[in-house]
Amino acid sequence: MDTTILNATNIKKSFDGTEVLKAISVEVTKGQVLAIIGPSGSGKSTFLRCITQLETVDSGEISICGDMLVKNSPNGKAVYSDKATCAKIGLHIGLVFQNFNLFPHLSVLQNITEAPIRVLNKSKEEAESAARELLQKMDLSGKADAYPDQLSGGQQQRVSIARALAMNPDILFFDEPTSALDPELTGEILKVIRELAAEHMTMVVVTHEMKFARDVADFVVFMDNGTIIEQGAPEQLFDNTQNERTRAFLSRFNEG
């Protein structure tokens, strides 16, 4: 039985003639946690945006849960599947942004139930029941009626995670989920992601938290300048890399 959730092959993307992704390929299997690390501007977030349909690719192939999102035409250009297929693929995916992206005019409960009601056609009662369970899981039981501006950054990010989980995604993407938080609140979010990993949630995490990547990820990809420099198990990348660029990058964190 094929347990591949995400397969991305030779993904290329340019902005205004500048190649941002240069033939990036990754595969993620069910229950795996993939961490993507690398310096700012290396293409990590662009890669995530391409997979989650926030950007289109120039060429390459992406399939999610066996459904083909995009493939190459005979002339090597990207051809996307029809709208219905793209929408179906979107339902497999959850995405947590670095800046929370909550609706400020909706309560916490409404933020979480909006998509399940509108997109999954769940009843209000069913959606709210599931949302309250998720809030309990996120240690936010008393915040259902609060509004985003009444919450700390860490609490807002936990609501964002609950909102993503409310859609029952097959794979959850995190785009630097702690970069907008101070160190104390960062710990809150990393704890939640660790718990999800322990529950075998399939995840792709773009992160600057090297200790977290080392401890929680099953597989690590190091990107720089739009290419994958090195990839492998955390112990290989962090403890036994033979790659000079990887070593130079990691040494900055090891000194900290």
Protein backbone atom coordinates (compact mmCIF):
# COMPACT_ATOMS: atom_id res chain seq x y z
CA MET A 1 0.00 0.00 0.00
CA ASP A 2 1.39 3.39 -1.03
CA THR A 3 1.67 5.66 2.00
CA THR A 4 3.02 8.66 0.06
CA ILE A 5 1.09 11.81 1.02
CA LEU A 6 3.15 14.38 -0.91
CA ASN A 7 5.33 13.89 -3.95
CA ALA A 8 6.95 16.99 -5.49
CA THR A 9 9.39 16.49 -8.36
CA ASN A 10 11.72 19.01 -10.04
CA ILE A 11 9.75 22.06 -8.94
CA LYS A 12 10.94 25.24 -10.63
CA LYS A 13 9.71 28.75 -9.96
CA SER A 14 10.95 32.17 -11.06
CA PHE A 15 9.90 35.69 -10.10
CA ASP A 16 10.71 38.40 -12.64
CA GLY A 17 13.38 36.27 -14.28
CA THR A 18 15.04 35.29 -11.00
CA GLU A 19 14.97 31.55 -10.38
CA VAL A 20 13.77 31.03 -6.80
CA LEU A 21 13.28 27.25 -6.92
CA LYS A 22 15.72 25.19 -8.97
CA ALA A 23 14.40 21.64 -9.46
CA ILE A 24 13.29 20.94 -5.88
CA SER A 25 12.07 17.40 -5.12
CA VAL A 26 10.68 16.02 -1.85
CA GLU A 27 8.54 13.10 -0.79
CA VAL A 28 6.57 12.84 2.45
CA THR A 29 4.96 9.63 3.66
CA LYS A 30 2.03 9.21 6.03
CA GLY A 31 2.92 10.11 9.63
CA GLN A 32 6.27 11.65 8.70
CA VAL A 33 7.50 15.02 9.95
CA LEU A 34 9.67 16.82 7.39
CA ALA A 35 11.61 19.88 8.54
CA ILE A 36 12.88 22.35 5.94
CA ILE A 37 15.73 24.54 7.15
CA GLY A 38 17.98 27.10 5.52
CA PRO A 39 18.84 30.81 5.46
CA SER A 40 16.24 33.49 4.75
CA GLY A 41 15.63 33.85 1.02
CA SER A 42 16.58 30.25 0.24
CA GLY A 43 13.15 29.45 -1.23
CA LYS A 44 11.68 27.51 1.71
CA SER A 45 8.45 29.49 2.03
CA THR A 46 8.03 29.77 -1.74
CA PHE A 47 8.20 26.00 -1.97
CA LEU A 48 5.46 25.67 0.66
CA ARG A 49 3.33 28.26 -1.14
CA CYS A 50 3.65 26.30 -4.39
CA ILE A 51 2.51 23.07 -2.76
CA THR A 52 -0.44 24.75 -1.02
CA GLN A 53 -1.60 26.51 -4.23
CA LEU A 54 -0.77 30.02 -3.06
CA GLU A 55 1.74 30.22 -5.92
CA THR A 56 1.88 28.41 -9.25
CA VAL A 57 4.99 26.56 -10.41
CA ASP A 58 6.70 27.09 -13.78
CA SER A 59 7.47 23.39 -14.20
CA GLY A 60 7.55 20.18 -12.20
CA GLU A 61 5.01 17.75 -10.80
CA ILE A 62 3.09 17.72 -7.51
CA SER A 63 0.74 15.01 -6.28
CA ILE A 64 -1.00 14.96 -2.91
CA CYS A 65 -2.75 11.87 -1.55
CA GLY A 66 -2.53 10.32 -5.00
CA ASP A 67 -4.22 13.23 -6.81
CA MET A 68 -2.14 15.09 -9.39
CA LEU A 69 -2.11 18.85 -8.80
CA VAL A 70 0.28 19.80 -11.58
CA LYS A 71 2.41 17.98 -14.15
CA ASN A 72 4.59 18.92 -17.10
CA SER A 73 3.24 19.24 -20.60
CA PRO A 74 5.33 17.79 -23.48
CA ASN A 75 7.07 21.19 -23.82
CA GLY A 76 8.11 21.10 -20.15
CA LYS A 77 5.66 23.72 -18.85
CA ALA A 78 3.43 23.19 -15.84
CA VAL A 79 -0.16 22.17 -16.50
CA TYR A 80 -2.58 22.24 -13.59
CA SER A 81 -5.50 19.89 -13.05
CA ASP A 82 -9.05 21.18 -13.41
CA LYS A 83 -10.57 23.40 -10.73
CA ALA A 84 -12.52 20.58 -9.09
CA THR A 85 -9.40 18.46 -8.67
CA CYS A 86 -7.38 21.42 -7.35
CA ALA A 87 -10.18 22.16 -4.86
CA LYS A 88 -10.28 18.52 -3.77
CA ILE A 89 -6.51 18.54 -3.24
CA GLY A 90 -6.86 21.71 -1.20
CA LEU A 91 -9.03 19.81 1.27
CA HIS A 92 -6.13 17.41 2.00
CA ILE A 93 -3.99 20.34 3.17
CA GLY A 94 -3.81 22.46 6.31
CA LEU A 95 -1.60 25.53 6.44
CA VAL A 96 -0.41 27.52 9.44
CA PHE A 97 1.13 30.89 8.59
CA GLN A 98 3.77 32.79 10.53
CA ASN A 99 1.43 35.76 11.09
CA PHE A 100 -1.65 33.83 12.27
CA ASN A 101 -4.03 35.17 9.55
CA LEU A 102 -7.07 34.99 11.81
CA PHE A 103 -10.22 36.94 10.93
CA PRO A 104 -10.14 39.88 13.40
CA HIS A 105 -13.93 40.43 13.28
CA LEU A 106 -14.73 36.81 14.20
CA SER A 107 -14.49 35.17 17.61
CA VAL A 108 -12.06 32.31 18.19
CA LEU A 109 -14.91 29.80 17.85
CA GLN A 110 -16.12 31.43 14.62
CA ASN A 111 -12.59 31.45 13.18
CA ILE A 112 -12.38 27.69 13.69
CA THR A 113 -15.91 26.77 12.54
CA GLU A 114 -16.18 29.03 9.49
CA ALA A 115 -14.51 26.68 6.98
CA PRO A 116 -15.97 23.37 8.26
CA ILE A 117 -19.48 24.87 7.97
CA ARG A 118 -18.98 26.60 4.60
CA VAL A 119 -16.65 24.15 2.87
CA LEU A 120 -17.34 20.78 4.49
CA ASN A 121 -21.08 21.50 4.99
CA LYS A 122 -20.94 20.56 8.65
CA SER A 123 -23.80 21.65 10.87
CA LYS A 124 -23.10 24.52 13.25
CA GLU A 125 -23.51 22.17 16.22
CA GLU A 126 -21.11 19.58 14.81
CA ALA A 127 -18.51 22.20 13.87
CA GLU A 128 -18.70 23.92 17.26
CA SER A 129 -18.42 20.63 19.14
CA ALA A 130 -15.27 19.72 17.18
CA ALA A 131 -13.89 23.25 17.62
CA ARG A 132 -14.33 23.12 21.41
CA GLU A 133 -12.50 19.79 21.51
CA LEU A 134 -9.64 21.34 19.54
CA LEU A 135 -9.55 24.37 21.84
CA GLN A 136 -9.28 22.06 24.81
CA LYS A 137 -6.43 20.24 23.07
CA MET A 138 -4.71 23.62 22.49
CA ASP A 139 -5.22 24.59 26.17
CA LEU A 140 -7.59 27.39 25.11
CA SER A 141 -10.91 26.15 26.52
CA GLY A 142 -11.81 29.52 28.03
CA LYS A 143 -11.10 31.52 24.86
CA ALA A 144 -13.94 30.41 22.53
CA ASP A 145 -15.73 33.78 22.70
CA ALA A 146 -12.59 35.93 22.69
CA TYR A 147 -11.45 37.87 19.62
CA PRO A 148 -7.95 37.59 18.13
CA ASP A 149 -6.81 41.01 19.43
CA GLN A 150 -7.58 39.85 22.99
CA LEU A 151 -5.09 36.97 22.70
CA SER A 152 -1.32 36.74 22.98
CA GLY A 153 0.65 35.85 19.85
CA GLY A 154 1.13 32.31 21.12
CA GLN A 155 -2.60 31.93 21.74
CA GLN A 156 -3.41 33.29 18.28
CA GLN A 157 -1.04 30.80 16.70
CA ARG A 158 -2.63 27.95 18.65
CA VAL A 159 -6.03 29.07 17.34
CA SER A 160 -4.53 29.03 13.83
CA ILE A 161 -3.41 25.43 14.36
CA ALA A 162 -6.85 24.48 15.68
CA ARG A 163 -8.43 26.12 12.64
CA ALA A 164 -6.22 24.10 10.30
CA LEU A 165 -6.93 20.86 12.19
CA ALA A 166 -10.69 21.51 12.08
CA MET A 167 -10.62 20.65 8.37
CA ASN A 168 -9.18 17.18 9.13
CA PRO A 169 -6.24 17.60 6.72
CA ASP A 170 -4.06 14.68 5.65
CA ILE A 171 -0.96 16.86 5.82
CA LEU A 172 -0.26 20.02 7.80
CA PHE A 173 2.17 22.70 6.61
CA PHE A 174 3.80 25.21 8.96
CA ASP A 175 5.53 28.25 7.48
CA GLU A 176 7.92 29.41 10.20
CA PRO A 177 5.16 29.19 12.82
CA THR A 178 7.25 30.77 15.59
CA SER A 179 9.02 33.57 13.72
CA ALA A 180 6.53 36.25 14.88
CA LEU A 181 6.76 35.15 18.53
CA ASP A 182 9.13 35.92 21.37
CA PRO A 183 11.12 32.98 22.80
CA GLU A 184 8.70 32.29 25.66
CA LEU A 185 5.70 31.98 23.34
CA THR A 186 7.75 30.00 20.81
CA GLY A 187 7.91 27.16 23.33
CA GLU A 188 4.09 26.98 23.43
CA ILE A 189 3.85 26.38 19.69
CA LEU A 190 6.72 23.91 19.50
CA LYS A 191 5.05 21.92 22.29
CA VAL A 192 1.83 21.69 20.24
CA ILE A 193 3.71 20.56 17.13
CA ARG A 194 5.62 17.97 19.19
CA GLU A 195 2.30 16.60 20.47
CA LEU A 196 0.93 16.40 16.92
CA ALA A 197 4.08 14.56 15.85
CA ALA A 198 3.55 12.10 18.69
CA GLU A 199 0.06 11.49 17.28
CA HIS A 200 1.66 10.73 13.88
CA MET A 201 0.24 13.79 12.14
CA THR A 202 1.91 14.18 8.73
CA MET A 203 3.66 17.56 8.74
CA VAL A 204 6.03 19.76 6.77
CA VAL A 205 7.60 22.45 8.96
CA VAL A 206 9.69 25.33 7.64
CA THR A 207 11.59 26.44 10.72
CA HIS A 208 14.55 28.35 12.12
CA GLU A 209 14.36 26.29 15.32
CA MET A 210 17.26 23.91 14.84
CA LYS A 211 16.87 22.01 18.11
CA PHE A 212 13.23 21.41 17.29
CA ALA A 213 14.08 20.19 13.77
CA ARG A 214 16.70 17.88 15.19
CA ASP A 215 14.49 16.45 17.94
CA VAL A 216 11.10 16.17 16.20
CA ALA A 217 11.65 15.72 12.46
CA ASP A 218 12.00 12.31 10.86
CA PHE A 219 13.68 13.86 7.83
CA VAL A 220 15.41 17.21 7.26
CA VAL A 221 15.93 19.17 4.05
CA PHE A 222 18.52 21.97 3.99
CA MET A 223 17.86 24.55 1.27
CA ASP A 224 20.03 27.40 0.08
CA ASN A 225 19.70 29.64 -2.94
CA GLY A 226 16.73 27.73 -4.35
CA THR A 227 18.33 24.29 -4.24
CA ILE A 228 18.41 21.36 -1.82
CA ILE A 229 21.98 21.27 -0.56
CA GLU A 230 21.55 18.23 1.65
CA GLN A 231 18.76 16.03 2.98
CA GLY A 232 18.55 13.09 5.31
CA ALA A 233 17.84 11.92 8.84
CA PRO A 234 18.38 14.58 11.56
CA GLU A 235 21.34 12.71 13.06
CA GLN A 236 23.04 12.66 9.65
CA LEU A 237 22.47 16.34 8.93
CA PHE A 238 23.12 17.75 12.39
CA ASP A 239 25.78 15.40 13.72
CA ASN A 240 27.54 13.89 10.74
CA THR A 241 27.26 16.21 7.74
CA GLN A 242 30.10 16.02 5.24
CA ASN A 243 28.77 19.11 3.46
CA GLU A 244 30.72 22.32 4.03
CA ARG A 245 27.73 24.61 3.35
CA THR A 246 25.51 22.70 5.79
CA ARG A 247 28.24 22.78 8.43
CA ALA A 248 28.73 26.52 8.02
CA PHE A 249 24.99 27.17 8.33
CA LEU A 250 24.56 24.97 11.42
CA SER A 251 27.64 26.35 13.15
CA ARG A 252 25.88 29.70 13.58
CA PHE A 253 23.18 27.98 15.64
CA ASN A 254 25.55 25.74 17.55
CA GLU A 255 27.46 28.80 18.74
CA GLY A 256 24.24 30.31 20.12
